[in-house]
Amino acid sequence: MAKTSPIEFFRQVRQEVAKVTWPSRKETTITTSMVFVMVAVASVFFLAVDAVLGWGITAVLGLGS
């Protein structure tokens, strides 16, 4: 395998970066908003699961009053 010089490497990197389709500001904003919403939904889900499991374990082990 032939070695690539650093100058050639950076030239190839620039060519590849030029091929990338970058998202628009609107697409980035929408995607970021969707991530925050999904994080909030997942947080509420795991909070509910934790509460139910905690209640169930407490009931089974008789740790309550």
PDB file of N, CA and C in Angstrom:
ATOM      1  N   MET A   1       0.851  -1.186   0.000  1.00  0.00           N
ATOM      2  CA  MET A   1       0.000   0.000   0.000  1.00  0.00           C
ATOM      3  C   MET A   1       0.891   1.243   0.000  1.00  0.00           C
ATOM      4  N   ALA A   2       0.610   2.154  -0.916  1.00  0.00           N
ATOM      5  CA  ALA A   2       1.420   3.363  -1.046  1.00  0.00           C
ATOM      6  C   ALA A   2       1.105   4.341   0.072  1.00  0.00           C
ATOM      7  N   LYS A   3       2.147   4.998   0.555  1.00  0.00           N
ATOM      8  CA  LYS A   3       1.951   6.002   1.601  1.00  0.00           C
ATOM      9  C   LYS A   3       1.479   7.302   0.972  1.00  0.00           C
ATOM     10  N   THR A   4       0.625   8.014   1.718  1.00  0.00           N
ATOM     11  CA  THR A   4       0.098   9.296   1.256  1.00  0.00           C
ATOM     12  C   THR A   4       0.784  10.398   2.036  1.00  0.00           C
ATOM     13  N   SER A   5       1.246  11.404   1.325  1.00  0.00           N
ATOM     14  CA  SER A   5       1.900  12.520   2.002  1.00  0.00           C
ATOM     15  C   SER A   5       0.848  13.342   2.741  1.00  0.00           C
ATOM     16  N   PRO A   6       1.253  14.066   3.767  1.00  0.00           N
ATOM     17  CA  PRO A   6       0.285  14.896   4.515  1.00  0.00           C
ATOM     18  C   PRO A   6      -0.437  15.911   3.620  1.00  0.00           C
ATOM     19  N   ILE A   7       0.261  16.467   2.670  1.00  0.00           N
ATOM     20  CA  ILE A   7      -0.365  17.453   1.771  1.00  0.00           C
ATOM     21  C   ILE A   7      -1.447  16.778   0.933  1.00  0.00           C
ATOM     22  N   GLU A   8      -1.144  15.594   0.403  1.00  0.00           N
ATOM     23  CA  GLU A   8      -2.124  14.844  -0.389  1.00  0.00           C
ATOM     24  C   GLU A   8      -3.314  14.432   0.478  1.00  0.00           C
ATOM     25  N   PHE A   9      -3.028  14.030   1.709  1.00  0.00           N
ATOM     26  CA  PHE A   9      -4.095  13.639   2.626  1.00  0.00           C
ATOM     27  C   PHE A   9      -5.079  14.795   2.841  1.00  0.00           C
ATOM     28  N   PHE A  10      -4.560  15.982   3.131  1.00  0.00           N
ATOM     29  CA  PHE A  10      -5.441  17.128   3.371  1.00  0.00           C
ATOM     30  C   PHE A  10      -6.181  17.547   2.106  1.00  0.00           C
ATOM     31  N   ARG A  11      -5.567  17.356   0.948  1.00  0.00           N
ATOM     32  CA  ARG A  11      -6.264  17.647  -0.307  1.00  0.00           C
ATOM     33  C   ARG A  11      -7.451  16.697  -0.475  1.00  0.00           C
ATOM     34  N   GLN A  12      -7.229  15.428  -0.160  1.00  0.00           N
ATOM     35  CA  GLN A  12      -8.312  14.452  -0.254  1.00  0.00           C
ATOM     36  C   GLN A  12      -9.418  14.743   0.762  1.00  0.00           C
ATOM     37  N   VAL A  13      -9.029  15.166   1.948  1.00  0.00           N
ATOM     38  CA  VAL A  13     -10.020  15.515   2.969  1.00  0.00           C
ATOM     39  C   VAL A  13     -10.879  16.674   2.484  1.00  0.00           C
ATOM     40  N   ARG A  14     -10.255  17.693   1.907  1.00  0.00           N
ATOM     41  CA  ARG A  14     -11.022  18.840   1.397  1.00  0.00           C
ATOM     42  C   ARG A  14     -11.987  18.408   0.297  1.00  0.00           C
ATOM     43  N   GLN A  15     -11.568  17.491  -0.557  1.00  0.00           N
ATOM     44  CA  GLN A  15     -12.447  16.997  -1.619  1.00  0.00           C
ATOM     45  C   GLN A  15     -13.649  16.263  -1.025  1.00  0.00           C
ATOM     46  N   GLU A  16     -13.415  15.448  -0.012  1.00  0.00           N
ATOM     47  CA  GLU A  16     -14.504  14.704   0.617  1.00  0.00           C
ATOM     48  C   GLU A  16     -15.463  15.634   1.352  1.00  0.00           C
ATOM     49  N   VAL A  17     -14.924  16.634   2.045  1.00  0.00           N
ATOM     50  CA  VAL A  17     -15.774  17.589   2.767  1.00  0.00           C
ATOM     51  C   VAL A  17     -16.656  18.362   1.790  1.00  0.00           C
ATOM     52  N   ALA A  18     -16.138  18.643   0.615  1.00  0.00           N
ATOM     53  CA  ALA A  18     -16.922  19.357  -0.401  1.00  0.00           C
ATOM     54  C   ALA A  18     -18.110  18.523  -0.877  1.00  0.00           C
ATOM     55  N   LYS A  19     -18.041  17.198  -0.750  1.00  0.00           N
ATOM     56  CA  LYS A  19     -19.128  16.315  -1.181  1.00  0.00           C
ATOM     57  C   LYS A  19     -20.249  16.197  -0.150  1.00  0.00           C
ATOM     58  N   VAL A  20     -19.978  16.639   1.071  1.00  0.00           N
ATOM     59  CA  VAL A  20     -20.954  16.487   2.157  1.00  0.00           C
ATOM     60  C   VAL A  20     -22.139  17.421   1.929  1.00  0.00           C
ATOM     61  N   THR A  21     -23.337  16.911   2.141  1.00  0.00           N
ATOM     62  CA  THR A  21     -24.532  17.738   2.089  1.00  0.00           C
ATOM     63  C   THR A  21     -24.827  18.204   3.514  1.00  0.00           C
ATOM     64  N   TRP A  22     -24.575  19.454   3.788  1.00  0.00           N
ATOM     65  CA  TRP A  22     -24.738  19.984   5.139  1.00  0.00           C
ATOM     66  C   TRP A  22     -26.195  20.374   5.364  1.00  0.00           C
ATOM     67  N   PRO A  23     -26.737  20.140   6.568  1.00  0.00           N
ATOM     68  CA  PRO A  23     -28.133  20.500   6.833  1.00  0.00           C
ATOM     69  C   PRO A  23     -28.298  22.018   6.923  1.00  0.00           C
ATOM     70  N   SER A  24     -29.510  22.464   6.597  1.00  0.00           N
ATOM     71  CA  SER A  24     -29.798  23.891   6.698  1.00  0.00           C
ATOM     72  C   SER A  24     -30.024  24.257   8.166  1.00  0.00           C
ATOM     73  N   ARG A  25     -30.087  25.540   8.431  1.00  0.00           N
ATOM     74  CA  ARG A  25     -30.340  25.993   9.800  1.00  0.00           C
ATOM     75  C   ARG A  25     -31.696  25.487  10.296  1.00  0.00           C
ATOM     76  N   LYS A  26     -32.702  25.500   9.398  1.00  0.00           N
ATOM     77  CA  LYS A  26     -34.043  25.028   9.773  1.00  0.00           C
ATOM     78  C   LYS A  26     -34.012  23.539  10.117  1.00  0.00           C
ATOM     79  N   GLU A  27     -33.335  22.734   9.303  1.00  0.00           N
ATOM     80  CA  GLU A  27     -33.238  21.297   9.580  1.00  0.00           C
ATOM     81  C   GLU A  27     -32.526  21.035  10.909  1.00  0.00           C
ATOM     82  N   THR A  28     -31.468  21.782  11.175  1.00  0.00           N
ATOM     83  CA  THR A  28     -30.731  21.625  12.427  1.00  0.00           C
ATOM     84  C   THR A  28     -31.593  21.994  13.617  1.00  0.00           C
ATOM     85  N   THR A  29     -32.360  23.082  13.500  1.00  0.00           N
ATOM     86  CA  THR A  29     -33.239  23.517  14.592  1.00  0.00           C
ATOM     87  C   THR A  29     -34.321  22.472  14.860  1.00  0.00           C
ATOM     88  N   ILE A  30     -34.931  21.960  13.810  1.00  0.00           N
ATOM     89  CA  ILE A  30     -35.994  20.963  13.972  1.00  0.00           C
ATOM     90  C   ILE A  30     -35.438  19.690  14.596  1.00  0.00           C
ATOM     91  N   THR A  31     -34.296  19.236  14.108  1.00  0.00           N
ATOM     92  CA  THR A  31     -33.695  18.015  14.639  1.00  0.00           C
ATOM     93  C   THR A  31     -33.311  18.185  16.101  1.00  0.00           C
ATOM     94  N   THR A  32     -32.744  19.326  16.449  1.00  0.00           N
ATOM     95  CA  THR A  32     -32.370  19.597  17.840  1.00  0.00           C
ATOM     96  C   THR A  32     -33.605  19.612  18.727  1.00  0.00           C
ATOM     97  N   SER A  33     -34.674  20.242  18.261  1.00  0.00           N
ATOM     98  CA  SER A  33     -35.926  20.269  19.029  1.00  0.00           C
ATOM     99  C   SER A  33     -36.469  18.862  19.236  1.00  0.00           C
ATOM    100  N   MET A  34     -36.403  18.035  18.197  1.00  0.00           N
ATOM    101  CA  MET A  34     -36.882  16.663  18.310  1.00  0.00           C
ATOM    102  C   MET A  34     -36.061  15.882  19.338  1.00  0.00           C
ATOM    103  N   VAL A  35     -34.764  16.118  19.369  1.00  0.00           N
ATOM    104  CA  VAL A  35     -33.911  15.440  20.350  1.00  0.00           C
ATOM    105  C   VAL A  35     -34.316  15.843  21.761  1.00  0.00           C
ATOM    106  N   PHE A  36     -34.527  17.137  22.004  1.00  0.00           N
ATOM    107  CA  PHE A  36     -34.927  17.591  23.343  1.00  0.00           C
ATOM    108  C   PHE A  36     -36.280  17.003  23.751  1.00  0.00           C
ATOM    109  N   VAL A  37     -37.224  16.940  22.813  1.00  0.00           N
ATOM    110  CA  VAL A  37     -38.535  16.360  23.114  1.00  0.00           C
ATOM    111  C   VAL A  37     -38.398  14.881  23.458  1.00  0.00           C
ATOM    112  N   MET A  38     -37.616  14.148  22.676  1.00  0.00           N
ATOM    113  CA  MET A  38     -37.438  12.720  22.944  1.00  0.00           C
ATOM    114  C   MET A  38     -36.727  12.474  24.269  1.00  0.00           C
ATOM    115  N   VAL A  39     -35.779  13.328  24.623  1.00  0.00           N
ATOM    116  CA  VAL A  39     -35.108  13.212  25.927  1.00  0.00           C
ATOM    117  C   VAL A  39     -36.115  13.434  27.050  1.00  0.00           C
ATOM    118  N   ALA A  40     -36.989  14.426  26.899  1.00  0.00           N
ATOM    119  CA  ALA A  40     -38.006  14.688  27.920  1.00  0.00           C
ATOM    120  C   ALA A  40     -38.974  13.506  28.037  1.00  0.00           C
ATOM    121  N   VAL A  41     -39.409  12.959  26.900  1.00  0.00           N
ATOM    122  CA  VAL A  41     -40.326  11.810  26.917  1.00  0.00           C
ATOM    123  C   VAL A  41     -39.657  10.606  27.574  1.00  0.00           C
ATOM    124  N   ALA A  42     -38.411  10.337  27.209  1.00  0.00           N
ATOM    125  CA  ALA A  42     -37.690   9.203  27.804  1.00  0.00           C
ATOM    126  C   ALA A  42     -37.499   9.412  29.303  1.00  0.00           C
ATOM    127  N   SER A  43     -37.226  10.646  29.722  1.00  0.00           N
ATOM    128  CA  SER A  43     -37.044  10.937  31.143  1.00  0.00           C
ATOM    129  C   SER A  43     -38.315  10.666  31.936  1.00  0.00           C
ATOM    130  N   VAL A  44     -39.449  11.115  31.415  1.00  0.00           N
ATOM    131  CA  VAL A  44     -40.731  10.884  32.091  1.00  0.00           C
ATOM    132  C   VAL A  44     -41.036   9.389  32.131  1.00  0.00           C
ATOM    133  N   PHE A  45     -40.772   8.677  31.035  1.00  0.00           N
ATOM    134  CA  PHE A  45     -41.015   7.237  30.987  1.00  0.00           C
ATOM    135  C   PHE A  45     -40.193   6.515  32.054  1.00  0.00           C
ATOM    136  N   PHE A  46     -38.897   6.807  32.113  1.00  0.00           N
ATOM    137  CA  PHE A  46     -38.056   6.109  33.084  1.00  0.00           C
ATOM    138  C   PHE A  46     -38.368   6.534  34.520  1.00  0.00           C
ATOM    139  N   LEU A  47     -38.808   7.760  34.728  1.00  0.00           N
ATOM    140  CA  LEU A  47     -39.259   8.185  36.052  1.00  0.00           C
ATOM    141  C   LEU A  47     -40.472   7.362  36.474  1.00  0.00           C
ATOM    142  N   ALA A  48     -41.421   7.178  35.558  1.00  0.00           N
ATOM    143  CA  ALA A  48     -42.621   6.392  35.853  1.00  0.00           C
ATOM    144  C   ALA A  48     -42.276   4.922  36.102  1.00  0.00           C
ATOM    145  N   VAL A  49     -41.422   4.343  35.281  1.00  0.00           N
ATOM    146  CA  VAL A  49     -41.020   2.944  35.468  1.00  0.00           C
ATOM    147  C   VAL A  49     -40.313   2.778  36.805  1.00  0.00           C
ATOM    148  N   ASP A  50     -39.422   3.701  37.150  1.00  0.00           N
ATOM    149  CA  ASP A  50     -38.705   3.641  38.420  1.00  0.00           C
ATOM    150  C   ASP A  50     -39.674   3.733  39.601  1.00  0.00           C
ATOM    151  N   ALA A  51     -40.658   4.624  39.500  1.00  0.00           N
ATOM    152  CA  ALA A  51     -41.628   4.775  40.581  1.00  0.00           C
ATOM    153  C   ALA A  51     -42.465   3.504  40.750  1.00  0.00           C
ATOM    154  N   VAL A  52     -42.921   2.925  39.636  1.00  0.00           N
ATOM    155  CA  VAL A  52     -43.732   1.709  39.699  1.00  0.00           C
ATOM    156  C   VAL A  52     -42.913   0.543  40.260  1.00  0.00           C
ATOM    157  N   LEU A  53     -41.694   0.370  39.765  1.00  0.00           N
ATOM    158  CA  LEU A  53     -40.850  -0.716  40.272  1.00  0.00           C
ATOM    159  C   LEU A  53     -40.509  -0.510  41.747  1.00  0.00           C
ATOM    160  N   GLY A  54     -40.238   0.724  42.126  1.00  0.00           N
ATOM    161  CA  GLY A  54     -39.963   1.008  43.539  1.00  0.00           C
ATOM    162  C   GLY A  54     -41.150   0.692  44.418  1.00  0.00           C
ATOM    163  N   TRP A  55     -42.332   1.086  43.970  1.00  0.00           N
ATOM    164  CA  TRP A  55     -43.550   0.779  44.723  1.00  0.00           C
ATOM    165  C   TRP A  55     -43.758  -0.730  44.808  1.00  0.00           C
ATOM    166  N   GLY A  56     -43.564  -1.447  43.688  1.00  0.00           N
ATOM    167  CA  GLY A  56     -43.752  -2.894  43.663  1.00  0.00           C
ATOM    168  C   GLY A  56     -42.778  -3.619  44.582  1.00  0.00           C
ATOM    169  N   ILE A  57     -41.532  -3.239  44.550  1.00  0.00           N
ATOM    170  CA  ILE A  57     -40.532  -3.887  45.406  1.00  0.00           C
ATOM    171  C   ILE A  57     -40.830  -3.607  46.869  1.00  0.00           C
ATOM    172  N   THR A  58     -41.223  -2.381  47.170  1.00  0.00           N
ATOM    173  CA  THR A  58     -41.575  -2.040  48.553  1.00  0.00           C
ATOM    174  C   THR A  58     -42.758  -2.878  49.019  1.00  0.00           C
ATOM    175  N   ALA A  59     -43.749  -3.058  48.148  1.00  0.00           N
ATOM    176  CA  ALA A  59     -44.929  -3.836  48.506  1.00  0.00           C
ATOM    177  C   ALA A  59     -44.569  -5.308  48.698  1.00  0.00           C
ATOM    178  N   VAL A  60     -43.742  -5.866  47.820  1.00  0.00           N
ATOM    179  CA  VAL A  60     -43.384  -7.285  47.906  1.00  0.00           C
ATOM    180  C   VAL A  60     -42.526  -7.569  49.147  1.00  0.00           C
ATOM    181  N   LEU A  61     -41.593  -6.700  49.434  1.00  0.00           N
ATOM    182  CA  LEU A  61     -40.695  -6.931  50.566  1.00  0.00           C
ATOM    183  C   LEU A  61     -41.299  -6.471  51.895  1.00  0.00           C
ATOM    184  N   GLY A  62     -42.432  -5.809  51.844  1.00  0.00           N
ATOM    185  CA  GLY A  62     -43.074  -5.350  53.064  1.00  0.00           C
ATOM    186  C   GLY A  62     -42.292  -4.297  53.800  1.00  0.00           C
ATOM    187  N   LEU A  63     -41.625  -3.421  53.044  1.00  0.00           N
ATOM    188  CA  LEU A  63     -40.809  -2.395  53.670  1.00  0.00           C
ATOM    189  C   LEU A  63     -41.640  -1.189  54.123  1.00  0.00           C
ATOM    190  N   GLY A  64     -42.873  -1.130  53.687  1.00  0.00           N
ATOM    191  CA  GLY A  64     -43.746  -0.015  54.085  1.00  0.00           C
ATOM    192  C   GLY A  64     -44.247  -0.196  55.501  1.00  0.00           C
ATOM    193  N   SER A  65     -45.167   0.609  55.891  1.00  0.00           N
ATOM    194  CA  SER A  65     -45.698   0.542  57.273  1.00  0.00           C
ATOM    195  C   SER A  65     -46.514  -0.646  57.481  1.00  0.00           C
TER     196      SER A  65
END
